[in-house]
Protein backbone atom coordinates (compact mmCIF):
# COMPACT_ATOMS: atom_id res chain seq x y z
CA UNK A 1 -13.02 -1.21 0.93
CA UNK A 2 -12.38 -4.72 -0.33
CA UNK A 3 -9.79 -3.70 -2.96
CA UNK A 4 -7.46 -1.53 -0.90
CA UNK A 5 -5.35 -4.34 0.62
CA UNK A 6 -4.32 -5.67 -2.78
CA UNK A 7 -4.43 -2.50 -4.91
CA UNK A 8 -0.67 -1.93 -4.75
CA UNK A 9 0.02 -5.55 -5.68
CA UNK A 10 -2.39 -5.26 -8.62
CA UNK A 11 -0.62 -2.13 -9.85
CA UNK A 12 2.81 -3.74 -9.45
CA UNK A 13 1.57 -6.76 -11.38
CA UNK A 14 0.86 -4.43 -14.30
CA UNK A 15 4.58 -3.60 -14.43
CA UNK A 16 5.12 -7.16 -15.67
CA UNK A 17 2.54 -7.06 -18.45
CA UNK A 18 2.40 -3.41 -19.60
CA UNK A 19 4.69 -0.42 -20.11
CA UNK A 20 3.91 0.77 -16.57
CA UNK A 21 7.07 1.10 -14.48
CA UNK A 22 7.52 0.88 -10.73
CA UNK A 23 8.26 4.61 -10.80
CA UNK A 24 4.88 5.15 -12.51
CA UNK A 25 3.18 3.13 -9.75
CA UNK A 26 4.79 5.33 -7.07
CA UNK A 27 3.73 8.44 -8.96
CA UNK A 28 0.12 7.27 -9.44
CA UNK A 29 -0.43 5.78 -5.96
CA UNK A 30 1.64 8.10 -3.74
CA UNK A 31 2.69 11.38 -5.31
CA UNK A 32 -0.42 12.23 -7.32
CA UNK A 33 -3.00 11.66 -4.54
CA UNK A 34 -0.94 13.86 -2.18
CA UNK A 35 -0.69 16.58 -4.84
CA UNK A 36 -4.33 16.31 -5.96
CA UNK A 37 -5.72 16.61 -2.43
CA UNK A 38 -3.02 19.02 -1.18
CA UNK A 39 -2.07 16.65 1.63
CA UNK A 40 0.54 18.21 3.88
CA UNK A 41 3.90 16.39 4.21
CA UNK A 42 2.80 13.07 2.74
CA UNK A 43 3.13 11.17 -0.51
CA UNK A 44 6.89 11.58 -0.93
CA UNK A 45 9.99 10.20 0.75
CA UNK A 46 11.83 13.32 1.80
CA UNK A 47 13.06 15.11 4.90
CA UNK A 48 10.27 16.56 7.03
CA UNK A 49 7.57 14.33 5.52
CA UNK A 50 5.53 11.73 7.40
CA UNK A 51 6.91 8.21 6.83
CA UNK A 52 4.04 6.25 5.26
CA UNK A 53 5.93 3.39 3.60
CA UNK A 54 5.30 -0.07 2.23
CA UNK A 55 8.09 -2.61 1.78
CA UNK A 56 7.65 -5.12 -1.01
CA UNK A 57 9.33 -8.47 -1.64
CA UNK A 58 9.54 -8.71 -5.45
CA UNK A 59 10.48 -12.40 -5.22
CA UNK A 60 7.60 -13.64 -3.05
CA UNK A 61 4.17 -14.34 -4.49
CA UNK A 62 0.88 -13.48 -2.78
CA UNK A 63 -2.19 -15.62 -3.36
CA UNK A 64 -5.43 -13.92 -2.36
CA UNK A 65 -7.71 -16.16 -0.31
CA UNK A 66 -10.34 -15.54 2.35
CA UNK A 67 -7.91 -16.43 5.16
CA UNK A 68 -5.44 -13.65 4.25
CA UNK A 69 -7.99 -10.89 3.60
CA UNK A 70 -7.64 -8.39 6.43
CA UNK A 71 -10.58 -6.08 5.69
CA UNK A 72 -13.65 -6.43 7.87
CA UNK A 73 -15.82 -7.42 4.92
CA UNK A 74 -13.62 -10.56 4.44
CA UNK A 75 -13.89 -10.65 0.64
CA UNK A 76 -11.92 -9.27 -2.28
CA UNK A 77 -12.49 -9.09 -6.02
CA UNK A 78 -8.96 -10.54 -6.25
CA UNK A 79 -9.81 -13.83 -4.49
CA UNK A 80 -8.12 -16.67 -6.36
CA UNK A 81 -5.55 -14.32 -7.96
CA UNK A 82 -1.82 -14.73 -7.37
CA UNK A 83 0.43 -11.69 -7.55
CA UNK A 84 4.17 -11.86 -8.21
CA UNK A 85 4.89 -9.53 -5.26
CA UNK A 86 4.27 -9.50 -1.54
CA UNK A 87 3.87 -6.70 1.03
CA UNK A 88 6.18 -7.51 3.93
CA UNK A 89 5.99 -4.36 6.07
CA UNK A 90 3.87 -1.22 6.30
CA UNK A 91 4.76 1.90 8.23
CA UNK A 92 2.17 4.58 9.01
CA UNK A 93 3.33 7.83 10.57
CA UNK A 94 6.78 6.24 10.86
CA UNK A 95 5.45 3.38 13.01
CA UNK A 96 5.43 -0.28 12.01
CA UNK A 97 1.79 -1.36 11.69
CA UNK A 98 2.09 -4.48 9.51
CA UNK A 99 4.82 -7.11 9.43
CA UNK A 100 4.73 -10.41 7.54
CA UNK A 101 0.96 -10.83 7.62
CA UNK A 102 0.32 -9.49 11.11
CA UNK A 103 -1.28 -6.14 11.96
CA UNK A 104 -0.19 -4.23 15.06
CA UNK A 105 -2.90 -3.85 17.71
CA UNK A 106 -1.68 -0.35 18.62
CA UNK A 107 -3.65 2.59 17.32
CA UNK A 108 -1.11 4.68 15.47
CA UNK A 109 -3.36 6.85 13.32
CA UNK A 110 -2.90 10.56 12.94
CA UNK A 111 -5.13 13.22 11.46
CA UNK A 112 -4.22 14.08 7.88
CA UNK A 113 -3.52 17.77 7.36
CA UNK A 114 -4.19 19.65 4.15
CA UNK A 115 -2.45 22.66 2.63
CA UNK A 116 -5.63 24.69 2.07
């Protein structure tokens, strides 16, 4: 999925050029998918929920180039684009899996559960 790595940055970029707010981005990219697919204990930051979090530096730019594309396909429709934000850390299931451009080699995945 060549867009997934930079999709959050693209949405945050829209907060600078449209009426979209950061709160809208959280709603559209976190809350709504969890609600739509009835995903158990994900999509919100609250007690008892799985900690899937992304930390952003709003003062550091990200330029998309082949050397910083982490997907196996090694291309992105955003190549050549510079975003006004940068992802610094990613936590999945409460475990640090990405820090300052480096992915952890540990497998920390967990089966997603649904409220169905």
